Protein backbone atom coordinates (compact mmCIF):
# COMPACT_ATOMS: atom_id res chain seq x y z
CA UNK A 1 45.39 68.19 37.20
CA UNK A 2 44.83 65.05 35.11
CA UNK A 3 47.16 62.86 37.26
CA UNK A 4 48.85 63.07 40.64
CA UNK A 5 52.19 62.80 38.80
CA UNK A 6 51.52 65.86 36.61
CA UNK A 7 53.26 69.22 37.10
CA UNK A 8 52.26 72.49 35.47
CA UNK A 9 54.79 75.02 34.13
CA UNK A 10 57.65 72.64 34.83
CA UNK A 11 61.12 74.12 34.19
CA UNK A 12 62.92 71.90 31.69
CA UNK A 13 66.43 73.30 32.15
CA UNK A 14 67.22 71.29 35.33
CA UNK A 15 65.95 68.15 33.56
CA UNK A 16 68.62 68.41 30.83
CA UNK A 17 72.40 68.08 30.95
CA UNK A 18 72.70 71.37 29.06
CA UNK A 19 70.80 73.12 31.87
CA UNK A 20 68.99 75.10 29.17
CA UNK A 21 65.27 75.29 28.43
CA UNK A 22 62.11 77.10 29.45
CA UNK A 23 59.01 75.59 31.04
CA UNK A 24 56.78 72.84 29.75
CA UNK A 25 53.08 73.65 29.89
CA UNK A 26 52.57 70.29 31.56
CA UNK A 27 55.07 67.59 32.58
CA UNK A 28 54.10 64.02 33.41
CA UNK A 29 56.23 61.70 35.58
CA UNK A 30 54.46 58.31 35.53
CA UNK A 31 55.95 55.78 37.95
CA UNK A 32 54.83 52.47 36.43
CA UNK A 33 54.18 51.01 33.00
CA UNK A 34 50.46 51.21 33.70
CA UNK A 35 50.72 54.91 34.54
CA UNK A 36 52.77 55.51 31.39
CA UNK A 37 50.09 53.86 29.27
CA UNK A 38 47.32 55.86 30.94
CA UNK A 39 49.28 59.11 30.54
CA UNK A 40 50.12 58.39 26.90
CA UNK A 41 46.52 57.56 25.99
CA UNK A 42 45.45 60.82 27.64
CA UNK A 43 48.17 62.76 25.80
CA UNK A 44 46.97 61.48 22.45
CA UNK A 45 43.53 62.95 23.13
CA UNK A 46 44.84 66.45 23.90
CA UNK A 47 45.14 69.20 21.23
CA UNK A 48 48.67 70.03 22.34
CA UNK A 49 52.20 69.22 21.12
CA UNK A 50 53.75 66.13 22.69
CA UNK A 51 57.33 65.35 23.69
CA UNK A 52 58.89 62.28 25.31
CA UNK A 53 62.07 62.71 27.37
CA UNK A 54 64.33 60.52 29.45
CA UNK A 55 67.37 61.87 31.26
CA UNK A 56 67.71 64.91 28.99
CA UNK A 57 71.29 64.07 28.02
CA UNK A 58 70.99 64.61 24.29
CA UNK A 59 68.58 67.52 23.90
CA UNK A 60 68.76 71.28 23.53
CA UNK A 61 65.48 72.97 24.43
CA UNK A 62 64.42 76.51 23.59
CA UNK A 63 64.38 79.11 26.34
CA UNK A 64 60.74 79.61 25.36
CA UNK A 65 60.10 76.12 26.68
CA UNK A 66 57.64 73.62 25.27
CA UNK A 67 54.02 74.69 24.74
CA UNK A 68 52.56 71.24 25.28
CA UNK A 69 52.90 68.02 27.27
CA UNK A 70 56.22 66.39 28.15
CA UNK A 71 56.17 62.77 29.28
CA UNK A 72 59.25 61.68 31.24
CA UNK A 73 60.24 58.01 31.48
CA UNK A 74 62.87 58.46 34.23
CA UNK A 75 60.79 56.59 36.84
CA UNK A 76 60.80 53.30 34.88
CA UNK A 77 63.74 51.82 36.77
CA UNK A 78 63.12 48.08 36.58
CA UNK A 79 66.29 46.01 36.21
CA UNK A 80 65.42 42.32 36.43
CA UNK A 81 67.72 39.35 35.89
CA UNK A 82 65.88 36.69 33.88
CA UNK A 83 68.55 33.98 33.86
CA UNK A 84 70.92 32.83 31.12
CA UNK A 85 72.56 36.30 31.06
CA UNK A 86 69.25 37.93 30.06
CA UNK A 87 67.84 41.10 31.67
CA UNK A 88 64.81 43.30 31.39
CA UNK A 89 65.89 46.93 31.76
CA UNK A 90 63.46 49.83 32.06
CA UNK A 91 63.82 53.08 30.15
CA UNK A 92 64.57 55.10 33.28
CA UNK A 93 67.59 53.11 34.41
CA UNK A 94 70.81 55.12 34.11
CA UNK A 95 72.96 53.49 31.44
CA UNK A 96 76.12 53.70 33.52
CA UNK A 97 74.33 51.73 36.27
CA UNK A 98 73.90 48.88 33.77
CA UNK A 99 77.61 48.95 32.97
CA UNK A 100 78.75 49.22 36.59
CA UNK A 101 76.07 46.76 37.68
CA UNK A 102 75.44 43.53 35.78
CA UNK A 103 77.99 44.06 33.01
CA UNK A 104 80.97 44.48 35.33
CA UNK A 105 79.67 42.27 38.12
CA UNK A 106 79.17 39.37 35.70
CA UNK A 107 82.11 40.32 33.46
CA UNK A 108 80.03 40.64 30.30
CA UNK A 109 81.37 41.63 26.89
CA UNK A 110 80.59 45.10 25.58
CA UNK A 111 81.79 47.31 28.42
CA UNK A 112 83.94 49.30 25.99
CA UNK A 113 80.91 50.13 23.87
CA UNK A 114 78.78 51.65 26.64
CA UNK A 115 81.22 53.12 29.16
CA UNK A 116 80.91 56.82 29.90
CA UNK A 117 77.72 57.47 27.93
CA UNK A 118 75.41 59.78 29.90
CA UNK A 119 71.66 59.44 30.19
CA UNK A 120 69.11 56.68 30.61
CA UNK A 121 68.56 53.38 28.85
CA UNK A 122 65.46 54.68 27.06
CA UNK A 123 67.38 57.54 25.49
CA UNK A 124 70.28 55.25 24.64
CA UNK A 125 67.89 52.87 22.85
CA UNK A 126 66.15 55.72 21.01
CA UNK A 127 69.40 57.07 19.55
CA UNK A 128 71.28 53.75 19.57
CA UNK A 129 73.95 55.39 21.69
CA UNK A 130 77.40 53.89 21.72
CA UNK A 131 81.04 54.26 20.77
CA UNK A 132 83.35 52.84 18.12
CA UNK A 133 83.26 49.64 20.18
CA UNK A 134 79.53 48.99 19.93
CA UNK A 135 76.07 50.45 20.43
CA UNK A 136 73.07 49.85 22.67
CA UNK A 137 70.72 48.02 20.33
CA UNK A 138 73.17 45.26 19.46
CA UNK A 139 72.80 43.83 22.98
CA UNK A 140 69.00 43.78 22.81
CA UNK A 141 66.64 40.97 21.81
CA UNK A 142 63.46 43.05 21.94
CA UNK A 143 62.19 46.52 22.80
CA UNK A 144 58.83 47.60 24.26
CA UNK A 145 57.40 50.62 22.45
CA UNK A 146 54.12 52.36 23.20
CA UNK A 147 52.48 53.58 20.01
CA UNK A 148 49.13 55.17 19.22
CA UNK A 149 47.61 51.71 18.64
CA UNK A 150 48.99 50.21 21.83
CA UNK A 151 52.01 48.46 23.29
CA UNK A 152 54.34 46.58 20.93
CA UNK A 153 57.13 44.19 21.87
CA UNK A 154 59.37 44.46 18.83
CA UNK A 155 62.03 41.79 18.19
CA UNK A 156 65.37 43.52 17.71
CA UNK A 157 67.07 42.75 14.41
CA UNK A 158 70.11 44.47 12.85
CA UNK A 159 68.03 46.06 10.10
CA UNK A 160 66.12 48.09 12.72
CA UNK A 161 69.09 50.19 13.87
CA UNK A 162 72.11 51.99 12.47
CA UNK A 163 74.74 54.51 13.50
CA UNK A 164 73.07 56.73 16.13
CA UNK A 165 69.60 55.89 14.90
CA UNK A 166 66.80 53.32 14.73
CA UNK A 167 63.59 52.54 12.84
CA UNK A 168 61.31 51.10 15.53
CA UNK A 169 60.36 54.17 17.59
CA UNK A 170 59.21 57.43 16.02
CA UNK A 171 59.47 60.77 17.86
CA UNK A 172 56.45 61.04 20.13
CA UNK A 173 56.26 57.29 20.78
CA UNK A 174 57.46 55.87 24.10
CA UNK A 175 60.19 53.32 24.78
CA UNK A 176 59.32 51.54 28.02
CA UNK A 177 62.39 49.30 28.17
CA UNK A 178 63.66 46.14 26.61
CA UNK A 179 65.24 42.71 26.91
CA UNK A 180 69.03 42.54 26.82
CA UNK A 181 71.18 39.48 26.15
CA UNK A 182 74.74 39.70 27.41
CA UNK A 183 77.63 37.27 27.01
CA UNK A 184 80.44 36.45 29.45
CA UNK A 185 83.79 37.85 28.31
CA UNK A 186 86.96 35.79 27.99
CA UNK A 187 89.06 38.57 29.54
CA UNK A 188 88.47 40.88 32.55
CA UNK A 189 86.30 43.87 31.67
CA UNK A 190 87.10 46.11 34.68
CA UNK A 191 90.43 47.33 33.17
CA UNK A 192 88.55 48.19 29.96
CA UNK A 193 85.98 50.19 31.95
CA UNK A 194 88.69 52.01 33.89
CA UNK A 195 90.60 52.76 30.68
CA UNK A 196 87.64 54.34 28.91
CA UNK A 197 86.50 56.27 31.98
CA UNK A 198 89.98 57.76 32.32
CA UNK A 199 90.22 58.40 28.59
CA UNK A 200 86.94 60.35 28.65
CA UNK A 201 88.14 62.40 31.60
CA UNK A 202 91.31 63.29 29.71
CA UNK A 203 89.90 63.75 26.20
CA UNK A 204 86.39 65.11 26.78
CA UNK A 205 85.35 68.25 28.67
CA UNK A 206 83.45 68.04 31.93
CA UNK A 207 80.51 70.36 32.51
CA UNK A 208 77.10 71.25 31.11
CA UNK A 209 76.81 69.84 27.60
CA UNK A 210 74.98 67.21 25.56
CA UNK A 211 78.05 65.14 24.72
CA UNK A 212 78.89 65.02 21.02
CA UNK A 213 76.91 67.68 19.16
CA UNK A 214 77.38 66.21 15.66
CA UNK A 215 77.40 62.72 14.22
CA UNK A 216 80.64 61.62 12.62
CA UNK A 217 80.50 61.74 8.81
CA UNK A 218 81.27 58.43 7.18
CA UNK A 219 85.02 57.84 7.22
CA UNK A 220 85.82 60.92 9.27
CA UNK A 221 85.32 62.58 12.65
CA UNK A 222 83.26 65.68 13.28
CA UNK A 223 85.72 66.86 15.92
CA UNK A 224 88.62 66.73 13.47
CA UNK A 225 86.73 68.73 10.86
CA UNK A 226 85.65 71.38 13.36
CA UNK A 227 89.16 71.68 14.78
CA UNK A 228 90.59 71.97 11.24
CA UNK A 229 88.33 75.00 10.74
CA UNK A 230 90.03 76.66 13.71
CA UNK A 231 86.86 76.73 15.79
CA UNK A 232 88.15 75.34 19.09
CA UNK A 233 87.53 77.90 21.82
CA UNK A 234 85.04 79.94 19.76
CA UNK A 235 82.58 81.68 22.07
CA UNK A 236 79.14 83.18 21.74
CA UNK A 237 77.49 84.54 24.86
CA UNK A 238 77.83 81.94 27.58
CA UNK A 239 78.55 79.06 25.19
CA UNK A 240 81.93 77.85 23.89
CA UNK A 241 83.21 75.22 21.47
CA UNK A 242 85.39 73.24 23.84
CA UNK A 243 89.15 73.84 23.54
CA UNK A 244 89.58 70.21 24.63
CA UNK A 245 87.28 68.51 22.10
CA UNK A 246 85.79 70.43 19.18
CA UNK A 247 82.64 68.30 18.94
CA UNK A 248 81.49 69.54 22.36
CA UNK A 249 79.69 72.85 22.82
CA UNK A 250 79.63 73.78 26.48
CA UNK A 251 77.22 75.85 28.54
CA UNK A 252 80.00 77.61 30.41
CA UNK A 253 78.43 80.83 31.73
CA UNK A 254 74.64 80.55 31.84
CA UNK A 255 74.39 80.15 28.08
CA UNK A 256 71.06 80.66 26.41
CA UNK A 257 69.49 78.37 23.85
CA UNK A 258 70.33 80.92 21.13
CA UNK A 259 73.99 81.07 22.25
CA UNK A 260 74.38 77.33 21.71
CA UNK A 261 72.29 77.28 18.55
CA UNK A 262 74.45 80.07 17.08
CA UNK A 263 77.59 77.95 17.57
CA UNK A 264 75.89 74.88 16.08
CA UNK A 265 74.90 76.79 12.96
CA UNK A 266 78.23 78.61 12.73
CA UNK A 267 80.07 75.28 12.95
CA UNK A 268 77.93 73.68 10.25
CA UNK A 269 78.49 76.61 7.91
CA UNK A 270 82.26 76.64 8.49
CA UNK A 271 82.65 72.88 7.86
CA UNK A 272 80.41 73.06 4.79
CA UNK A 273 82.41 75.96 3.33
CA UNK A 274 85.79 74.40 4.10
CA UNK A 275 85.15 70.74 3.28
CA UNK A 276 81.82 70.56 1.47
CA UNK A 277 80.48 68.32 4.24
CA UNK A 278 77.08 68.83 5.86
CA UNK A 279 77.38 67.90 9.51
CA UNK A 280 74.28 66.30 11.00
CA UNK A 281 73.32 67.06 14.58
CA UNK A 282 73.38 64.22 17.08
CA UNK A 283 71.70 66.47 19.64
CA UNK A 284 67.91 66.83 19.36
CA UNK A 285 66.90 70.48 19.10
CA UNK A 286 63.47 71.25 20.55
CA UNK A 287 62.28 74.69 19.48
CA UNK A 288 59.68 76.56 17.44
CA UNK A 289 60.38 76.38 13.70
CA UNK A 290 61.00 80.12 13.47
CA UNK A 291 63.86 79.93 15.92
CA UNK A 292 65.48 77.04 14.09
CA UNK A 293 65.57 79.10 10.91
CA UNK A 294 68.04 81.56 12.46
CA UNK A 295 71.12 81.86 10.30
CA UNK A 296 74.70 81.63 11.55
CA UNK A 297 74.90 85.40 11.86
CA UNK A 298 72.40 85.17 14.70
CA UNK A 299 69.82 87.43 13.08
């Protein structure tokens, strides 16, 4: 084994919120920034595919697994107060712990933008996770990204991120964490947190899923379009388009990767045929190219 934090044939399903996915040939769980750098440099020298994962909240992984090396950042749990409402937060910190911790304890603005989002800070930075009330990157002043040529501290500017996306970290590069700048709010934030937590309990299904499957098209909502196609409650194998919120596909009864992928493709085809809109996945699909070419008929 190359490191004492390496695991062979590591099952990826328990490491994702979908609870779907076969084994990784090798999984790495570095515990410090130094171990991450050593592991990443070693990965770059190997003739194998590479994948970087955090809390697995926004991925759907093939039942065939991943035939290469998966580097997890979940152990990078530093959360350090730097003064003047500034914090360094590691990629492995659970995002909700940031909200329930410093944001609520110090009554910082922005609670409505980050409440109820699953996963870790690293994943939230990578996809610029958020809500209609704000997104992760807007509270950051810089981000630490490990690239093939070394570690970069990148100043965060608005041109580097957009709706559910960013331009500073490519797939296969590693977000280690970043500096956040918060601001005290003029009104109590606890009622806002409680409101959005309750709203999510009432409006969004609870169970094994990735959260929203599709990004919202400009000026519209993916859930509305899917519901208008009559797809709520549609099932395939162990997967179902949630009757509560159409932009959620649930692993309800030991769904396979292909069960969920079928519903994703079926949904895209239905919305395209009905509205002429091409829905874009928010979930990252990790699978061999041949599998991804399956059509909506499941052939």
